[in-house]
């Protein structure tokens, strides 16, 4: 595998929007017993449902440990789902996998960001994370894709969304957090984003969703649906802890222009819940020093914004909530050319994220 010393921007590469044609989606098999309850078995069933939903639209590759290979193969029994042996620390391939970039000739490369388990020793979710930091490199090796490594710069894929036309949306809560890149200013971080993703404009929302253990990843809060249009998690309830966060984000979006000089059209997506883990669900998670404990009193950061766009489909979480049907209707209206498939997301949420966090799309490029 080639590790390049240049940057994607210098080489004519950029990060495409999620709706660009994809060659496949990557996932990683969940098994970590101090994050997923009951040895990961309920989460594995939920993971299978997501993988099979995506596989209706495009190929899926699932990285799985040697110990879990036979179990995963037996459950992922579709010809469109490929398994590769891939050791990792947990299943969040959005954050540990590469951010794929393409050029005008259809070539595909990948950016391998530094990873520190969402905060390292200052609020990170587990230790060690060295195998997770290898995931992007391993995926690029499998795909024979050249690699850009941002040594000394930490970033998770869930903390950014792009429109493919020069604009990136993120949150100050995450990217300016002292536990990511404390040695860099906002301007310096923006410059890294410009070089690695070839964006021109960074839109900074103040915060992400309340109690999001990733320090407010934007992919759980606000996403692009097409250039110039975003979908924002929303509540009209002033007593909801998300209310000031939603208001602050809307204010930024309404007062910003994107890289093309467009004002934002903001669509609103209701926030489900409030959702909480039960005592029984929390009791099923192993307690390990250095790993965040699960607590039934902590409000879960459930969000319908945490969906994945695939070729012809939208794969979105449901929560057995009255708003599930409303969310599906909103997504269908926003993506009339796509089929919206709702997949149960509670077990994924109990582990700290959802469908978008657990997937990483690989663009097709123009020549495949």
Foldseek 3Di string as FASTA:
>chain_A
DAEDPAACVVVAKAQAAQQFAFQEKEWEAFQAQQQFFPRCVVVNVLVLLLQVVQLVFHAYEYEYAPVCVVVSCVSNPDPSYHYDHADFDGIQCQFLAWRWIAHQQFAIATEQEAAQQLFNPHLHAFPDGVSSSCHRVVVCVVVVHHYYYPPLAHDGNLQWGDQRPAEIEGECQRRVDCRGRVVDDPVRVVVSCCRHRVHDYYQYQHAAFPPQSSRGRCLLAKYDLHPQEMEGEDDPDPPPPCHVSRVSRVVSQQPDAGPVRHRHDYHYQYFFDQDFDDPVRQVRGDDDPRHDGHDRVDGFSGGQSNWGDHRQAIETEDAPTPCRVVSLVVVCVSCVSHHYDYGHFPSVSSSRGGDNSRMHTHHRGPPD
